[in-house]
Protein backbone atom coordinates (compact mmCIF):
# COMPACT_ATOMS: atom_id res chain seq x y z
CA MET A 1 28.00 -39.54 66.69
CA LEU A 2 27.12 -37.47 63.72
CA THR A 3 29.91 -35.54 61.96
CA PRO A 4 29.75 -32.69 59.61
CA GLY A 5 30.02 -34.07 56.01
CA ALA A 6 30.60 -37.63 57.23
CA LEU A 7 31.25 -40.11 54.51
CA GLY A 8 31.47 -37.36 51.85
CA ARG A 9 27.79 -37.58 51.05
CA GLY A 10 27.96 -40.97 49.41
CA VAL A 11 31.34 -40.44 47.62
CA SER A 12 32.91 -43.29 49.54
CA GLN A 13 31.36 -46.53 48.33
CA LEU A 14 31.84 -50.30 48.47
CA GLY A 15 30.65 -51.72 45.22
CA SER A 16 27.46 -49.88 44.56
CA MET A 17 26.38 -49.41 48.26
CA PRO A 18 27.59 -46.36 50.28
CA TYR A 19 29.38 -47.18 53.44
CA ALA A 20 26.64 -45.59 55.40
CA ALA A 21 24.22 -48.25 54.19
CA LEU A 22 26.56 -50.97 55.57
CA MET A 23 26.79 -49.43 59.00
CA ALA A 24 24.22 -49.49 61.78
CA LEU A 25 23.41 -46.02 63.06
CA HIS A 26 23.85 -45.17 66.79
CA PRO A 27 20.43 -45.76 68.40
CA ASP A 28 19.93 -42.07 69.13
CA ILE A 29 20.57 -41.18 65.55
CA ALA A 30 18.41 -43.98 64.32
CA ALA A 31 15.59 -42.91 66.57
CA PHE A 32 15.82 -39.29 65.13
CA ALA A 33 15.89 -40.61 61.62
CA ARG A 34 12.74 -42.70 62.36
CA ALA A 35 11.02 -39.70 63.85
CA LEU A 36 11.69 -37.63 60.84
CA ARG A 37 10.47 -40.37 58.53
CA ASP A 38 7.24 -40.53 60.59
CA LEU A 39 6.90 -36.76 60.42
CA GLU A 40 7.62 -36.82 56.61
CA ALA A 41 4.90 -39.58 56.02
CA HIS A 42 2.34 -37.55 58.13
CA LEU A 43 2.99 -34.35 56.05
CA ARG A 44 2.88 -36.35 52.78
CA THR A 45 -0.43 -37.96 53.77
CA HIS A 46 -2.03 -34.83 54.87
CA GLY A 47 -1.34 -32.57 51.87
CA ALA A 48 1.94 -30.88 52.77
CA PRO A 49 4.32 -32.36 50.16
CA SER A 50 6.82 -29.53 50.09
CA TRP A 51 7.28 -29.71 53.91
CA ALA A 52 7.55 -33.56 53.52
CA GLN A 53 10.30 -33.08 51.02
CA GLU A 54 12.16 -30.75 53.35
CA ILE A 55 11.94 -33.32 56.12
CA ALA A 56 12.97 -36.03 53.83
CA ARG A 57 16.17 -34.11 53.00
CA CYS A 58 17.01 -33.84 56.66
CA ALA A 59 16.36 -37.63 57.17
CA ASP A 60 18.53 -38.48 54.20
CA LEU A 61 21.46 -36.62 55.76
CA VAL A 62 20.86 -38.02 59.16
CA GLU A 63 20.68 -41.58 57.77
CA GLN A 64 24.18 -40.82 56.24
CA SER A 65 25.45 -39.78 59.61
CA ASP A 66 25.79 -36.18 58.43
CA TYR A 67 25.18 -33.70 61.25
CA TYR A 68 24.02 -31.12 58.70
CA GLY A 69 20.63 -32.98 58.75
CA VAL A 70 20.22 -31.85 62.36
CA VAL A 71 21.31 -28.24 61.55
CA ARG A 72 18.90 -28.19 58.48
CA PHE A 73 16.08 -29.50 60.63
CA PHE A 74 16.54 -26.65 63.15
CA GLY A 75 16.58 -24.26 60.26
CA LEU A 76 13.00 -25.13 59.42
CA PHE A 77 11.88 -23.38 62.56
CA GLY A 78 11.59 -19.71 63.44
CA GLY A 79 10.28 -16.82 61.45
CA MET A 80 7.01 -16.47 59.52
CA GLY A 81 6.17 -19.43 57.31
CA SER A 82 8.20 -21.93 59.34
CA LEU A 83 7.31 -25.47 60.10
CA SER A 84 6.01 -24.31 63.55
CA ASP A 85 3.40 -22.16 61.67
CA LEU A 86 2.10 -25.02 59.52
CA VAL A 87 -1.63 -25.76 59.88
CA LEU A 88 -2.96 -28.79 57.92
CA GLN A 89 -6.19 -27.89 56.12
CA ARG A 90 -8.13 -28.44 52.91
CA ASP A 91 -10.68 -26.27 51.31
CA GLY A 92 -10.58 -23.90 54.39
CA ARG A 93 -11.39 -26.80 56.75
CA ILE A 94 -8.74 -27.19 59.57
CA PHE A 95 -7.85 -30.83 60.47
CA SER A 96 -7.91 -30.86 64.28
CA ARG A 97 -6.78 -34.44 64.98
CA GLU A 98 -4.19 -34.28 62.19
CA ASN A 99 -2.87 -31.14 63.50
CA GLU A 100 -2.59 -32.60 67.02
CA GLU A 101 -0.67 -35.55 65.58
CA LEU A 102 1.49 -33.19 63.48
CA GLN A 103 2.56 -31.25 66.69
CA ALA A 104 3.28 -34.58 68.46
CA PHE A 105 5.53 -35.65 65.52
CA ILE A 106 7.31 -32.26 65.40
CA THR A 107 7.67 -32.22 69.18
CA ARG A 108 9.24 -35.66 69.21
CA SER A 109 11.61 -34.91 66.29
CA TYR A 110 12.71 -31.57 67.85
CA SER A 111 13.34 -33.24 71.26
CA LEU A 112 15.50 -35.86 69.63
CA ALA A 113 17.36 -33.30 67.64
CA GLU A 114 18.09 -31.35 70.75
CA GLU A 115 19.55 -34.42 72.37
CA LEU A 116 21.84 -34.85 69.44
CA ARG A 117 22.87 -31.14 69.50
CA ARG A 118 23.68 -31.43 73.19
CA ASP A 119 25.91 -34.42 72.51
CA GLN A 120 27.99 -32.69 69.81
CA PRO A 121 31.50 -31.81 70.90
């Protein structure tokens, strides 16, 4: 289960490794982290580095078992200019296949985040 501020964001360490690096994540949390990393890579590859960085921040938190990564991810949606409005393009040319893939990555990540939110006490 993800907890708010779990592990003090790397403050607790064993040697030079954070405790989070020594523990295996719950499978549902690991699946969400992987989905975020896939989304991040897709965004980075297709010319959306600022969005990739936002997703990377969420993934970093989730990989530390910090529930704020889920909260932050949900915060990327809604309103004008949100992740749901993103259209991958270059020089006015819209990338159809890449945008379909983007929506699949977003849908998967969002679905996994909703599952984690439902499981929160």
